Amino acid sequence: LGMAVPAALQRSVVFPAGRHTASLIFLHGSGDTGQGARAWIKQILNQDMAFQHIKVIYPTAPTRPYTPMKGALSTVWFDRYKISNDCPEHIESIDSMCQRLTDLINDEIKNDIAKNRILIG
């Protein structure tokens, strides 16, 4: 039995004014959304973060149970056992996040964007 293919991440996108030659993938904080991060940037800059040649992508993390919130569902990139610097990382959820972001990067590569022209922030 093959693994179920996860749905593509929801995303809010600011398209470049000119020819698309680079992409910026901007990740939101825990519990936020791509649209929320975009709105926050827009509030700070008094405009969308927009470029002549760079597509800005604000993906939304999948909803998952979040241990620090007693298992409540939240849009977080990965789970944590607790909010602490001295506990192990939740590797399984980090691997899942890496796969989702790899899929997003591969979508940009399919659009003829070179790997060295794709940033994650």
C-alpha atoms as a PDB file:
ATOM      1  CA  LEU A   1       0.000   0.000   0.000  1.00  0.00           C
ATOM      2  CA  GLY A   2       1.479   3.368  -1.051  1.00  0.00           C
ATOM      3  CA  MET A   3       1.526   6.292   1.329  1.00  0.00           C
ATOM      4  CA  ALA A   4      -1.266   8.798   0.831  1.00  0.00           C
ATOM      5  CA  VAL A   5      -0.029  11.863  -0.995  1.00  0.00           C
ATOM      6  CA  PRO A   6      -0.677  14.907   1.202  1.00  0.00           C
ATOM      7  CA  ALA A   7      -2.595  17.742  -0.410  1.00  0.00           C
ATOM      8  CA  ALA A   8      -0.530  20.685  -1.592  1.00  0.00           C
ATOM      9  CA  LEU A   9      -0.087  23.393   1.011  1.00  0.00           C
ATOM     10  CA  GLN A  10      -2.541  26.280   0.833  1.00  0.00           C
ATOM     11  CA  ARG A  11      -0.663  29.408  -0.152  1.00  0.00           C
ATOM     12  CA  SER A  12      -1.081  33.129  -0.551  1.00  0.00           C
ATOM     13  CA  VAL A  13       1.065  34.399  -3.444  1.00  0.00           C
ATOM     14  CA  VAL A  14       2.401  37.802  -4.544  1.00  0.00           C
ATOM     15  CA  PHE A  15       3.371  37.466  -8.192  1.00  0.00           C
ATOM     16  CA  PRO A  16       6.338  39.423  -9.600  1.00  0.00           C
ATOM     17  CA  ALA A  17       5.632  42.473 -11.743  1.00  0.00           C
ATOM     18  CA  GLY A  18       8.045  41.256 -14.420  1.00  0.00           C
ATOM     19  CA  ARG A  19       9.548  37.929 -15.453  1.00  0.00           C
ATOM     20  CA  HIS A  20       9.588  35.368 -12.627  1.00  0.00           C
ATOM     21  CA  THR A  21      13.224  34.320 -12.037  1.00  0.00           C
ATOM     22  CA  ALA A  22      13.311  33.721  -8.255  1.00  0.00           C
ATOM     23  CA  SER A  23      10.988  32.646  -5.449  1.00  0.00           C
ATOM     24  CA  LEU A  24      10.806  33.511  -1.750  1.00  0.00           C
ATOM     25  CA  ILE A  25       8.926  31.050   0.473  1.00  0.00           C
ATOM     26  CA  PHE A  26       8.012  32.928   3.658  1.00  0.00           C
ATOM     27  CA  LEU A  27       6.966  30.707   6.581  1.00  0.00           C
ATOM     28  CA  HIS A  28       4.563  31.950   9.263  1.00  0.00           C
ATOM     29  CA  GLY A  29       4.887  31.384  12.993  1.00  0.00           C
ATOM     30  CA  SER A  30       3.058  28.716  14.990  1.00  0.00           C
ATOM     31  CA  GLY A  31      -0.722  29.013  14.815  1.00  0.00           C
ATOM     32  CA  ASP A  32      -0.693  31.643  12.047  1.00  0.00           C
ATOM     33  CA  THR A  33      -1.465  31.213   8.323  1.00  0.00           C
ATOM     34  CA  GLY A  34       0.175  32.255   5.073  1.00  0.00           C
ATOM     35  CA  GLN A  35      -2.491  34.958   4.689  1.00  0.00           C
ATOM     36  CA  GLY A  36      -1.825  36.129   8.256  1.00  0.00           C
ATOM     37  CA  ALA A  37       1.922  36.428   7.634  1.00  0.00           C
ATOM     38  CA  ARG A  38       1.267  38.288   4.371  1.00  0.00           C
ATOM     39  CA  ALA A  39      -1.105  40.705   6.151  1.00  0.00           C
ATOM     40  CA  TRP A  40       1.499  41.268   8.909  1.00  0.00           C
ATOM     41  CA  ILE A  41       4.211  42.126   6.342  1.00  0.00           C
ATOM     42  CA  LYS A  42       1.747  44.369   4.487  1.00  0.00           C
ATOM     43  CA  GLN A  43       0.991  46.218   7.730  1.00  0.00           C
ATOM     44  CA  ILE A  44       4.707  46.797   8.426  1.00  0.00           C
ATOM     45  CA  LEU A  45       5.585  47.895   4.867  1.00  0.00           C
ATOM     46  CA  ASN A  46       2.258  49.645   4.163  1.00  0.00           C
ATOM     47  CA  GLN A  47       2.167  47.496   0.996  1.00  0.00           C
ATOM     48  CA  ASP A  48       2.647  43.913  -0.141  1.00  0.00           C
ATOM     49  CA  MET A  49       6.251  42.706  -0.168  1.00  0.00           C
ATOM     50  CA  ALA A  50       6.505  42.706  -3.970  1.00  0.00           C
ATOM     51  CA  PHE A  51       9.408  42.508  -6.393  1.00  0.00           C
ATOM     52  CA  GLN A  52      10.088  42.843 -10.106  1.00  0.00           C
ATOM     53  CA  HIS A  53      11.361  39.269 -10.559  1.00  0.00           C
ATOM     54  CA  ILE A  54      10.638  37.454  -7.269  1.00  0.00           C
ATOM     55  CA  LYS A  55       7.452  35.523  -6.541  1.00  0.00           C
ATOM     56  CA  VAL A  56       6.634  35.623  -2.800  1.00  0.00           C
ATOM     57  CA  ILE A  57       4.856  32.531  -1.492  1.00  0.00           C
ATOM     58  CA  TYR A  58       3.222  32.431   1.945  1.00  0.00           C
ATOM     59  CA  PRO A  59       2.264  28.789   2.560  1.00  0.00           C
ATOM     60  CA  THR A  60       0.016  27.748   5.440  1.00  0.00           C
ATOM     61  CA  ALA A  61       1.217  24.861   7.617  1.00  0.00           C
ATOM     62  CA  PRO A  62      -1.112  21.862   7.708  1.00  0.00           C
ATOM     63  CA  THR A  63      -3.407  21.639  10.715  1.00  0.00           C
ATOM     64  CA  ARG A  64      -2.059  19.094  13.209  1.00  0.00           C
ATOM     65  CA  PRO A  65      -2.492  18.243  16.877  1.00  0.00           C
ATOM     66  CA  TYR A  66      -0.034  20.419  18.830  1.00  0.00           C
ATOM     67  CA  THR A  67       1.264  18.860  22.041  1.00  0.00           C
ATOM     68  CA  PRO A  68       2.042  22.159  23.879  1.00  0.00           C
ATOM     69  CA  MET A  69      -1.667  23.091  23.397  1.00  0.00           C
ATOM     70  CA  LYS A  70      -2.782  19.753  24.949  1.00  0.00           C
ATOM     71  CA  GLY A  71      -3.211  18.247  21.476  1.00  0.00           C
ATOM     72  CA  ALA A  72      -5.508  20.975  20.134  1.00  0.00           C
ATOM     73  CA  LEU A  73      -5.346  21.414  16.359  1.00  0.00           C
ATOM     74  CA  SER A  74      -3.111  24.223  15.152  1.00  0.00           C
ATOM     75  CA  THR A  75      -1.355  25.349  11.973  1.00  0.00           C
ATOM     76  CA  VAL A  76       2.211  24.562  13.010  1.00  0.00           C
ATOM     77  CA  TRP A  77       5.103  23.440  10.822  1.00  0.00           C
ATOM     78  CA  PHE A  78       6.033  20.683  13.289  1.00  0.00           C
ATOM     79  CA  ASP A  79       5.004  19.388  16.698  1.00  0.00           C
ATOM     80  CA  ARG A  80       6.992  19.867  19.895  1.00  0.00           C
ATOM     81  CA  TYR A  81       7.009  17.676  22.977  1.00  0.00           C
ATOM     82  CA  LYS A  82       7.124  20.914  24.990  1.00  0.00           C
ATOM     83  CA  ILE A  83       8.287  24.512  24.574  1.00  0.00           C
ATOM     84  CA  SER A  84      11.822  24.138  25.876  1.00  0.00           C
ATOM     85  CA  ASN A  85      15.423  24.296  24.658  1.00  0.00           C
ATOM     86  CA  ASP A  86      16.370  21.100  26.480  1.00  0.00           C
ATOM     87  CA  CYS A  87      13.973  18.540  25.023  1.00  0.00           C
ATOM     88  CA  PRO A  88      14.398  16.451  21.853  1.00  0.00           C
ATOM     89  CA  GLU A  89      12.895  17.614  18.558  1.00  0.00           C
ATOM     90  CA  HIS A  90       9.769  15.856  17.254  1.00  0.00           C
ATOM     91  CA  ILE A  91      11.634  14.307  14.292  1.00  0.00           C
ATOM     92  CA  GLU A  92       8.637  12.624  12.634  1.00  0.00           C
ATOM     93  CA  SER A  93       6.741  15.918  12.262  1.00  0.00           C
ATOM     94  CA  ILE A  94       9.915  17.741  11.148  1.00  0.00           C
ATOM     95  CA  ASP A  95      10.435  15.102   8.425  1.00  0.00           C
ATOM     96  CA  SER A  96       6.816  15.629   7.336  1.00  0.00           C
ATOM     97  CA  MET A  97       7.347  19.414   7.200  1.00  0.00           C
ATOM     98  CA  CYS A  98      10.546  18.958   5.157  1.00  0.00           C
ATOM     99  CA  GLN A  99       8.661  16.799   2.649  1.00  0.00           C
ATOM    100  CA  ARG A 100       5.855  19.385   2.284  1.00  0.00           C
ATOM    101  CA  LEU A 101       8.406  22.177   1.759  1.00  0.00           C
ATOM    102  CA  THR A 102      10.363  20.010  -0.711  1.00  0.00           C
ATOM    103  CA  ASP A 103       7.135  19.579  -2.701  1.00  0.00           C
ATOM    104  CA  LEU A 104       6.666  23.357  -2.691  1.00  0.00           C
ATOM    105  CA  ILE A 105      10.283  23.914  -3.843  1.00  0.00           C
ATOM    106  CA  ASN A 106       9.825  21.292  -6.575  1.00  0.00           C
ATOM    107  CA  ASP A 107       6.729  23.175  -7.812  1.00  0.00           C
ATOM    108  CA  GLU A 108       8.960  26.235  -8.290  1.00  0.00           C
ATOM    109  CA  ILE A 109      11.676  24.174 -10.025  1.00  0.00           C
ATOM    110  CA  LYS A 110       8.968  22.861 -12.414  1.00  0.00           C
ATOM    111  CA  ASN A 111       8.292  26.543 -13.220  1.00  0.00           C
ATOM    112  CA  ASP A 112      11.949  26.829 -14.387  1.00  0.00           C
ATOM    113  CA  ILE A 113      13.229  28.531 -11.231  1.00  0.00           C
ATOM    114  CA  ALA A 114      16.805  27.441 -10.412  1.00  0.00           C
ATOM    115  CA  LYS A 115      17.334  25.902  -6.952  1.00  0.00           C
ATOM    116  CA  ASN A 116      19.840  28.637  -6.054  1.00  0.00           C
ATOM    117  CA  ARG A 117      17.117  31.229  -6.804  1.00  0.00           C
ATOM    118  CA  ILE A 118      14.671  29.833  -4.204  1.00  0.00           C
ATOM    119  CA  LEU A 119      14.803  31.163  -0.643  1.00  0.00           C
ATOM    120  CA  ILE A 120      12.979  29.991   2.480  1.00  0.00           C
ATOM    121  CA  GLY A 121      12.542  32.531   5.256  1.00  0.00           C
END
